[in-house]
Protein backbone atom coordinates (compact mmCIF):
# COMPACT_ATOMS: atom_id res chain seq x y z
CA MET A 1 120.63 89.37 16.49
CA SER A 2 118.80 92.27 15.47
CA GLY A 3 115.62 90.16 14.21
CA ASN A 4 114.88 92.34 11.06
CA HIS A 5 113.40 89.64 9.04
CA ALA A 6 111.93 91.75 6.02
CA SER A 7 110.09 89.35 3.20
CA GLY A 8 111.35 86.54 5.08
CA VAL A 9 114.91 87.49 4.65
CA ASP A 10 116.95 87.01 7.80
CA ILE A 11 120.08 89.73 8.07
CA GLU A 12 121.90 87.33 10.16
CA ASP A 13 121.52 84.47 7.68
CA ILE A 14 122.94 87.29 5.48
CA ARG A 15 125.78 88.14 7.61
CA ALA A 16 126.41 84.37 7.86
CA LEU A 17 126.88 83.97 4.33
CA ILE A 18 129.24 86.52 4.35
CA ALA A 19 131.46 85.79 6.99
CA GLU A 20 131.76 82.52 5.58
CA GLU A 21 132.73 83.69 2.03
CA LEU A 22 135.55 86.02 3.55
CA GLU A 23 136.49 83.49 5.73
CA LEU A 24 135.76 86.08 9.25
CA GLY A 25 134.19 85.62 11.75
CA VAL A 26 130.69 86.91 12.33
CA GLU A 27 130.78 89.32 14.42
CA GLU A 28 132.84 91.03 12.17
CA VAL A 29 130.49 91.72 9.54
CA THR A 30 128.44 94.40 11.61
CA ASP A 31 125.64 96.66 9.98
CA ASP A 32 128.17 99.50 9.62
CA ALA A 33 131.16 97.86 8.37
CA ASP A 34 131.39 98.81 4.52
CA LEU A 35 132.46 96.12 2.79
CA ALA A 36 135.31 97.43 0.54
CA SER A 37 137.12 99.61 2.74
CA ASP A 38 136.72 97.39 6.28
CA LEU A 39 136.05 93.82 5.19
CA GLU A 40 138.46 94.55 1.41
CA VAL A 41 135.73 93.12 -0.40
CA ASP A 42 137.01 93.53 -4.05
CA SER A 43 134.81 93.15 -7.40
CA LEU A 44 135.34 89.10 -7.27
CA SER A 45 134.30 89.18 -3.63
CA ALA A 46 131.60 90.74 -4.62
CA MET A 47 130.80 88.80 -7.30
CA GLU A 48 130.75 85.17 -4.84
CA ILE A 49 128.99 87.17 -2.62
CA ALA A 50 125.97 88.24 -5.14
CA VAL A 51 126.55 84.10 -6.61
CA LEU A 52 125.97 82.79 -3.28
CA LEU A 53 123.04 85.19 -2.40
CA GLU A 54 121.24 84.81 -5.74
CA LYS A 55 121.36 80.85 -5.29
CA LYS A 56 119.83 80.81 -1.75
CA TYR A 57 117.33 83.23 -2.18
CA ARG A 58 116.78 81.49 -6.00
CA ILE A 59 117.04 85.52 -7.66
CA LYS A 60 118.97 87.70 -9.69
CA ILE A 61 121.78 90.15 -9.00
CA SER A 62 122.62 92.48 -12.13
CA GLU A 63 126.47 93.65 -12.08
CA GLU A 64 124.95 97.22 -11.83
CA GLU A 65 123.35 95.86 -8.51
CA ILE A 66 126.29 94.39 -7.55
CA LYS A 67 128.85 97.60 -7.66
CA SER A 68 126.21 99.13 -4.94
CA LEU A 69 125.83 96.44 -2.69
CA THR A 70 128.39 98.51 0.26
CA SER A 71 127.12 97.14 3.55
CA LEU A 72 125.41 94.38 5.39
CA PRO A 73 122.36 96.57 5.46
CA VAL A 74 121.81 97.85 1.81
CA ILE A 75 122.90 94.34 0.79
CA HIS A 76 119.49 92.97 3.33
CA LYS A 77 117.74 95.20 1.68
CA LEU A 78 118.05 94.59 -1.89
CA VAL A 79 117.59 91.24 -1.45
CA SER A 80 114.53 91.41 0.93
CA ALA A 81 112.82 93.57 -2.02
CA LYS A 82 113.81 90.85 -4.58
CA VAL A 83 112.47 88.26 -2.52
CA GLY A 84 109.10 90.11 -2.11
CA ALA A 85 109.09 90.64 -5.80
CA ALA A 86 108.86 87.03 -6.63
């Protein structure tokens, strides 16, 4: 575990959320895994992940931001920034 807690957002919580949504083991959602090519996330799956993140962290993720969610660290950085700004 990385212990990366920016703005109170634990990267491991996001990893678990993504793994559950994609029906994968958390060990498969690595920091360097590309969501589209490595984890086979399509636009619908990306939208579902975004909705789960919005509900969990009470944030809003735009359609353009959803397209930019390519890896776990990118998602963590975006969510942390939004939670910190809230």
